[in-house]
Amino acid sequence: MKFTIISITVLILNISCITPADQSKDAQDYDLNKVPYKLYEPTETFKLHYDLQEISGLTYLSEDKLGAIEDETGKFYIINARTGEVETKVKFEKSGDYEGVEYDDGTVWVMKSNGHFYSFQIQDDEAINVKEYKSEFSSKNDLEGLGYNNGALLIAAKGEGKIDDIDNEGKGIYIIEEEKPSPLFFIEKKDLEKFIEKREHFNSIKDFDPSAIAVHPQTSDIYILSADHVLVVYSAELKLKEVVKLNKKIFYQPEGICFSPQGQLFISSEGGENRGRLFTFNKLTK
């Protein structure tokens, strides 16, 4: 009887020590030299304000501040990157399906899923010089991700990757220069699966629906999140570099990504019926 009690006690203790990383080997099945972040082991995790339960976009503002939007109200949130607390929220437009946000040189850009864009500056906690742009995209494209690279906006489309009569079988990544969008490259599920087919743990993908995009400030690699718990990384030369499985126990629905100039990675996730989350990842050093 004593042996049984001790055995059960040890079993319980062992189960209690299991971490999300232990439970998800597929989330560790990638090359850390190519993607130098332990995405299965956040450096820090913050619960966000209830207003950001459906956080849909994230951008870097300064050393200790991030910008965020959620997909229902036209408000821009300034978050303390060290605590996850909302410091300021700024109304820039009426309610709508806002999916992407980017900040560059004092200007905030916000993208709606139907291809409408807004730009504004913030002064005394208010949005000023608010401008709306209607692009060649439509609701069929279902735009989700907004990034910035070398003076141009990057767009990740979840819906039809067709614009200007250019069709494809995958998900479109576009660049906007001088207010005109053009295709940059396309992501096809079959290419992703071919890339990982020989792996031991992570060798198949159910779906890939882009939800966020960001460019690494040091390598110029392009990081593209999918709400289907996948991260793909393309090199600056637009070659597929790595495919990573994200642990569902950590990321409920990843929808935002950005970097600090020093290479610290930030990912935000919707919370479902709970509060949204902000995760930070320190870059690994060799």
Protein backbone atom coordinates (compact mmCIF):
# COMPACT_ATOMS: atom_id res chain seq x y z
CA MET A 1 0.00 0.00 0.00
CA LYS A 2 2.82 2.39 0.84
CA PHE A 3 4.43 1.67 -2.53
CA THR A 4 1.16 2.49 -4.32
CA ILE A 5 0.73 5.77 -2.47
CA ILE A 6 4.33 6.79 -3.16
CA SER A 7 4.00 5.82 -6.82
CA ILE A 8 0.84 7.87 -7.24
CA THR A 9 2.46 10.82 -5.47
CA VAL A 10 5.51 10.70 -7.75
CA LEU A 11 3.25 10.45 -10.80
CA ILE A 12 1.29 13.52 -9.72
CA LEU A 13 4.49 15.46 -9.08
CA ASN A 14 5.86 14.50 -12.49
CA ILE A 15 2.67 15.58 -14.24
CA SER A 16 2.69 18.92 -12.41
CA CYS A 17 6.23 19.56 -13.64
CA ILE A 18 5.36 19.09 -17.32
CA THR A 19 5.66 22.38 -19.20
CA PRO A 20 3.99 23.40 -22.47
CA ALA A 21 7.39 22.87 -24.14
CA ASP A 22 7.47 19.25 -22.92
CA GLN A 23 3.99 18.64 -24.28
CA SER A 24 4.69 20.00 -27.78
CA LYS A 25 7.81 18.67 -29.47
CA ASP A 26 6.49 19.83 -32.83
CA ALA A 27 6.81 23.44 -31.60
CA GLN A 28 10.54 22.87 -31.06
CA ASP A 29 11.15 21.18 -34.41
CA TYR A 30 12.95 24.03 -36.23
CA ASP A 31 16.42 25.51 -36.65
CA LEU A 32 17.26 28.05 -33.94
CA ASN A 33 20.14 29.29 -36.09
CA LYS A 34 17.62 30.44 -38.68
CA VAL A 35 15.00 31.70 -36.24
CA PRO A 36 16.96 32.63 -33.08
CA TYR A 37 14.01 32.70 -30.69
CA LYS A 38 12.58 30.01 -28.43
CA LEU A 39 9.02 30.53 -29.60
CA TYR A 40 7.90 27.70 -27.33
CA GLU A 41 9.29 29.50 -24.28
CA PRO A 42 8.40 33.23 -24.01
CA THR A 43 10.79 35.46 -22.10
CA GLU A 44 7.79 37.30 -20.65
CA THR A 45 4.01 36.95 -20.88
CA PHE A 46 1.53 39.71 -20.11
CA LYS A 47 -2.25 39.66 -19.82
CA LEU A 48 -3.63 42.63 -21.72
CA HIS A 49 -6.51 44.95 -20.89
CA TYR A 50 -9.99 43.57 -21.59
CA ASP A 51 -10.32 46.14 -24.42
CA LEU A 52 -7.64 44.15 -26.25
CA GLN A 53 -9.30 40.78 -25.95
CA GLU A 54 -9.40 40.69 -29.77
CA ILE A 55 -6.06 42.37 -30.41
CA SER A 56 -5.42 42.19 -34.15
CA GLY A 57 -2.26 44.21 -34.80
CA LEU A 58 0.99 45.20 -33.10
CA THR A 59 3.77 47.70 -33.88
CA TYR A 60 6.92 48.99 -32.20
CA LEU A 61 6.90 52.63 -31.09
CA SER A 62 9.90 53.20 -28.80
CA GLU A 63 12.12 51.52 -26.23
CA ASP A 64 9.29 50.84 -23.81
CA LYS A 65 6.14 51.36 -25.90
CA LEU A 66 4.18 49.32 -28.41
CA GLY A 67 1.13 50.27 -30.45
CA ALA A 68 -1.87 47.98 -30.90
CA ILE A 69 -5.33 47.82 -32.44
CA GLU A 70 -8.24 45.44 -32.05
CA ASP A 71 -10.62 44.47 -34.79
CA GLU A 72 -13.82 46.14 -33.69
CA THR A 73 -13.30 49.77 -32.69
CA GLY A 74 -11.29 52.50 -34.39
CA LYS A 75 -8.96 52.99 -31.43
CA PHE A 76 -5.17 52.91 -31.27
CA TYR A 77 -3.66 51.69 -28.00
CA ILE A 78 -0.24 52.54 -26.60
CA ILE A 79 1.05 49.68 -24.44
CA ASN A 80 3.92 49.63 -21.96
CA ALA A 81 6.25 46.98 -23.43
CA ARG A 82 7.65 46.22 -19.96
CA THR A 83 4.35 45.60 -18.20
CA GLY A 84 1.68 45.08 -20.86
CA GLU A 85 -0.40 47.90 -19.37
CA VAL A 86 -2.38 50.23 -21.65
CA GLU A 87 -1.06 53.76 -21.16
CA THR A 88 -3.17 55.60 -23.74
CA LYS A 89 -5.95 54.89 -26.19
CA VAL A 90 -6.64 57.19 -29.11
CA LYS A 91 -9.82 57.27 -31.20
CA PHE A 92 -9.03 57.72 -34.90
CA GLU A 93 -12.13 56.37 -36.68
CA LYS A 94 -15.52 54.75 -36.16
CA SER A 95 -15.95 51.01 -35.60
CA GLY A 96 -14.74 48.62 -38.29
CA ASP A 97 -12.71 45.49 -39.03
CA TYR A 98 -9.18 46.76 -38.37
CA GLU A 99 -6.51 44.10 -38.88
CA GLY A 100 -3.08 45.69 -39.25
CA VAL A 101 -1.07 48.55 -37.75
CA GLU A 102 2.37 50.00 -38.44
CA TYR A 103 4.32 52.99 -37.18
CA ASP A 104 6.94 54.93 -39.12
CA ASP A 105 8.62 58.24 -38.38
CA GLY A 106 5.78 59.73 -36.35
CA THR A 107 2.93 58.40 -38.49
CA VAL A 108 0.59 55.56 -37.55
CA TRP A 109 -0.86 53.44 -40.37
CA VAL A 110 -3.93 51.28 -39.79
CA MET A 111 -5.37 48.81 -42.28
CA LYS A 112 -8.92 47.47 -42.60
CA SER A 113 -9.60 44.04 -44.01
CA ASN A 114 -11.37 45.60 -47.03
CA GLY A 115 -8.25 47.46 -48.19
CA HIS A 116 -8.94 50.87 -46.69
CA PHE A 117 -5.98 52.52 -44.94
CA TYR A 118 -5.76 55.30 -42.37
CA SER A 119 -2.80 57.45 -41.43
CA PHE A 120 -2.52 59.87 -38.52
CA GLN A 121 -0.20 61.40 -35.97
CA ILE A 122 -0.71 61.53 -32.22
CA GLN A 123 -0.60 64.81 -30.34
CA ASP A 124 -1.70 65.30 -26.73
CA ASP A 125 -3.28 61.83 -26.74
CA GLU A 126 -5.41 62.66 -29.77
CA ALA A 127 -5.25 61.54 -33.40
CA ILE A 128 -4.56 64.46 -35.74
CA ASN A 129 -4.32 64.75 -39.53
CA VAL A 130 -6.40 61.58 -39.97
CA LYS A 131 -6.51 60.57 -43.63
CA GLU A 132 -8.26 57.66 -45.34
CA TYR A 133 -6.99 55.91 -48.46
CA LYS A 134 -8.96 53.47 -50.59
CA SER A 135 -6.63 51.00 -52.26
CA GLU A 136 -7.11 48.55 -55.13
CA PHE A 137 -7.75 45.79 -52.62
CA SER A 138 -11.28 44.74 -51.69
CA SER A 139 -13.00 42.73 -48.99
CA LYS A 140 -12.36 39.60 -51.10
CA ASN A 141 -8.65 39.94 -50.38
CA ASP A 142 -9.38 39.93 -46.63
CA LEU A 143 -6.22 41.81 -45.64
CA GLU A 144 -4.77 40.76 -42.28
CA GLY A 145 -1.12 41.74 -41.92
CA LEU A 146 0.59 45.13 -42.23
CA GLY A 147 4.34 45.65 -42.08
CA TYR A 148 6.95 48.17 -43.19
CA ASN A 149 10.24 47.81 -45.04
CA ASN A 150 12.54 50.43 -46.59
CA GLY A 151 9.89 53.09 -47.02
CA ALA A 152 7.15 50.76 -48.27
CA LEU A 153 4.18 49.05 -46.65
CA LEU A 154 3.96 45.25 -46.76
CA ILE A 155 0.55 43.56 -46.92
CA ALA A 156 -0.40 39.95 -46.09
CA ALA A 157 -3.72 38.82 -47.56
CA LYS A 158 -5.74 35.96 -46.09
CA GLY A 159 -8.36 35.91 -48.83
CA GLU A 160 -8.13 35.89 -52.62
CA GLY A 161 -4.60 36.67 -53.70
CA LYS A 162 -5.80 38.40 -56.84
CA ILE A 163 -5.32 42.02 -57.82
CA ASP A 164 -4.79 43.63 -61.23
CA ASP A 165 -5.84 40.30 -62.80
CA ILE A 166 -2.87 38.49 -61.25
CA ASP A 167 -4.16 35.20 -59.84
CA ASN A 168 -2.40 32.50 -57.83
CA GLU A 169 -2.97 29.38 -55.78
CA GLY A 170 -1.52 30.70 -52.52
CA LYS A 171 -1.66 33.61 -50.12
CA GLY A 172 -0.42 36.92 -51.46
CA ILE A 173 2.25 39.16 -49.92
CA TYR A 174 2.16 42.61 -51.47
CA ILE A 175 4.18 45.80 -51.35
CA ILE A 176 2.72 49.30 -51.62
CA GLU A 177 4.96 51.94 -53.14
CA GLU A 178 3.66 55.36 -54.14
CA GLU A 179 0.14 54.21 -53.13
CA LYS A 180 0.09 51.39 -55.71
CA PRO A 181 0.13 47.73 -54.56
CA SER A 182 2.01 45.03 -56.44
CA PRO A 183 2.62 41.33 -55.66
CA LEU A 184 5.90 40.55 -53.89
CA PHE A 185 5.55 36.77 -53.52
CA PHE A 186 2.97 34.07 -52.81
CA ILE A 187 2.85 31.43 -50.10
CA GLU A 188 1.49 28.03 -51.05
CA LYS A 189 0.68 25.38 -48.50
CA LYS A 190 2.24 22.65 -50.64
CA ASP A 191 5.57 24.49 -50.60
CA LEU A 192 5.49 24.79 -46.83
CA GLU A 193 4.70 21.10 -46.43
CA LYS A 194 7.49 20.13 -48.81
CA PHE A 195 9.90 22.21 -46.74
CA ILE A 196 9.07 20.28 -43.54
CA GLU A 197 8.17 16.85 -44.93
CA LYS A 198 11.28 15.09 -43.54
CA ARG A 199 10.98 16.40 -40.01
CA GLU A 200 10.35 14.06 -37.13
CA HIS A 201 7.63 15.96 -35.27
CA PHE A 202 6.32 18.85 -37.37
CA ASN A 203 5.81 17.59 -40.92
CA SER A 204 2.31 18.65 -41.97
CA ILE A 205 0.21 21.82 -42.02
CA LYS A 206 -3.55 21.96 -41.75
CA ASP A 207 -3.96 25.53 -43.04
CA PHE A 208 -1.97 28.70 -43.53
CA ASP A 209 -3.90 31.96 -43.23
CA PRO A 210 -1.64 35.02 -42.78
CA SER A 211 -2.54 37.15 -39.77
CA ALA A 212 0.50 39.43 -39.30
CA ILE A 213 3.78 40.39 -40.97
CA ALA A 214 6.99 42.09 -39.82
CA VAL A 215 10.55 42.56 -41.06
CA HIS A 216 13.49 41.75 -38.80
CA PRO A 217 15.50 44.97 -38.35
CA GLN A 218 18.90 43.25 -38.42
CA THR A 219 18.53 40.49 -41.03
CA SER A 220 15.67 41.87 -43.16
CA ASP A 221 14.04 38.44 -42.92
CA ILE A 222 10.26 38.59 -43.35
CA TYR A 223 8.26 36.94 -40.55
CA ILE A 224 4.66 36.00 -41.37
CA LEU A 225 2.28 34.73 -38.70
CA SER A 226 -0.71 32.52 -39.31
CA ALA A 227 -3.63 32.27 -36.91
CA ASP A 228 -3.41 28.54 -37.69
CA HIS A 229 -0.40 28.45 -35.33
CA VAL A 230 2.33 28.59 -37.94
CA LEU A 231 5.14 31.09 -38.48
CA VAL A 232 7.00 31.22 -41.79
CA VAL A 233 10.19 33.16 -42.41
CA TYR A 234 11.46 34.33 -45.78
CA SER A 235 14.91 35.75 -46.39
CA ALA A 236 15.52 39.24 -47.71
CA GLU A 237 15.93 37.54 -51.10
CA LEU A 238 12.38 36.15 -50.71
CA LYS A 239 13.49 32.54 -50.28
CA LEU A 240 11.65 30.32 -47.79
CA LYS A 241 13.99 30.08 -44.80
CA GLU A 242 12.05 28.36 -42.01
CA VAL A 243 8.63 27.07 -40.99
CA VAL A 244 7.73 26.96 -37.29
CA LYS A 245 4.83 25.38 -35.44
CA LEU A 246 3.45 27.58 -32.65
CA ASN A 247 2.24 25.91 -29.48
CA LYS A 248 -1.55 26.24 -29.12
CA LYS A 249 -1.20 26.07 -25.35
CA ILE A 250 0.73 29.35 -25.50
CA PHE A 251 -0.83 31.19 -28.45
CA TYR A 252 -4.62 31.05 -28.58
CA GLN A 253 -4.79 33.01 -31.85
CA PRO A 254 -1.59 34.86 -32.85
CA GLU A 255 -2.50 38.06 -34.71
CA GLY A 256 0.28 40.59 -34.14
CA ILE A 257 4.08 40.67 -34.52
CA CYS A 258 6.83 43.29 -34.37
CA PHE A 259 10.49 43.76 -33.45
CA SER A 260 12.54 46.26 -31.51
CA PRO A 261 15.58 47.72 -33.35
CA GLN A 262 17.76 45.44 -31.19
CA GLY A 263 15.92 42.34 -32.40
CA GLN A 264 13.62 41.64 -29.46
CA LEU A 265 10.49 39.92 -30.76
CA PHE A 266 6.92 40.72 -29.67
CA ILE A 267 3.89 38.59 -30.53
CA SER A 268 0.29 39.29 -29.50
CA SER A 269 -2.54 36.78 -29.36
CA GLU A 270 -6.29 37.16 -29.12
CA GLY A 271 -7.72 35.76 -25.92
CA GLY A 272 -10.90 34.07 -27.09
CA GLU A 273 -13.13 34.25 -24.03
CA ASN A 274 -10.14 35.37 -21.94
CA ARG A 275 -7.87 38.40 -22.01
CA GLY A 276 -5.47 38.85 -24.90
CA ARG A 277 -1.79 38.15 -24.39
CA LEU A 278 1.50 39.86 -25.20
CA PHE A 279 4.62 37.72 -25.43
CA THR A 280 8.23 38.87 -25.61
CA PHE A 281 11.15 36.80 -26.88
CA ASN A 282 14.77 37.73 -26.44
CA LYS A 283 17.05 36.97 -29.35
CA LEU A 284 19.41 34.08 -28.69
CA THR A 285 23.11 34.87 -28.78
CA LYS A 286 25.66 32.48 -30.22
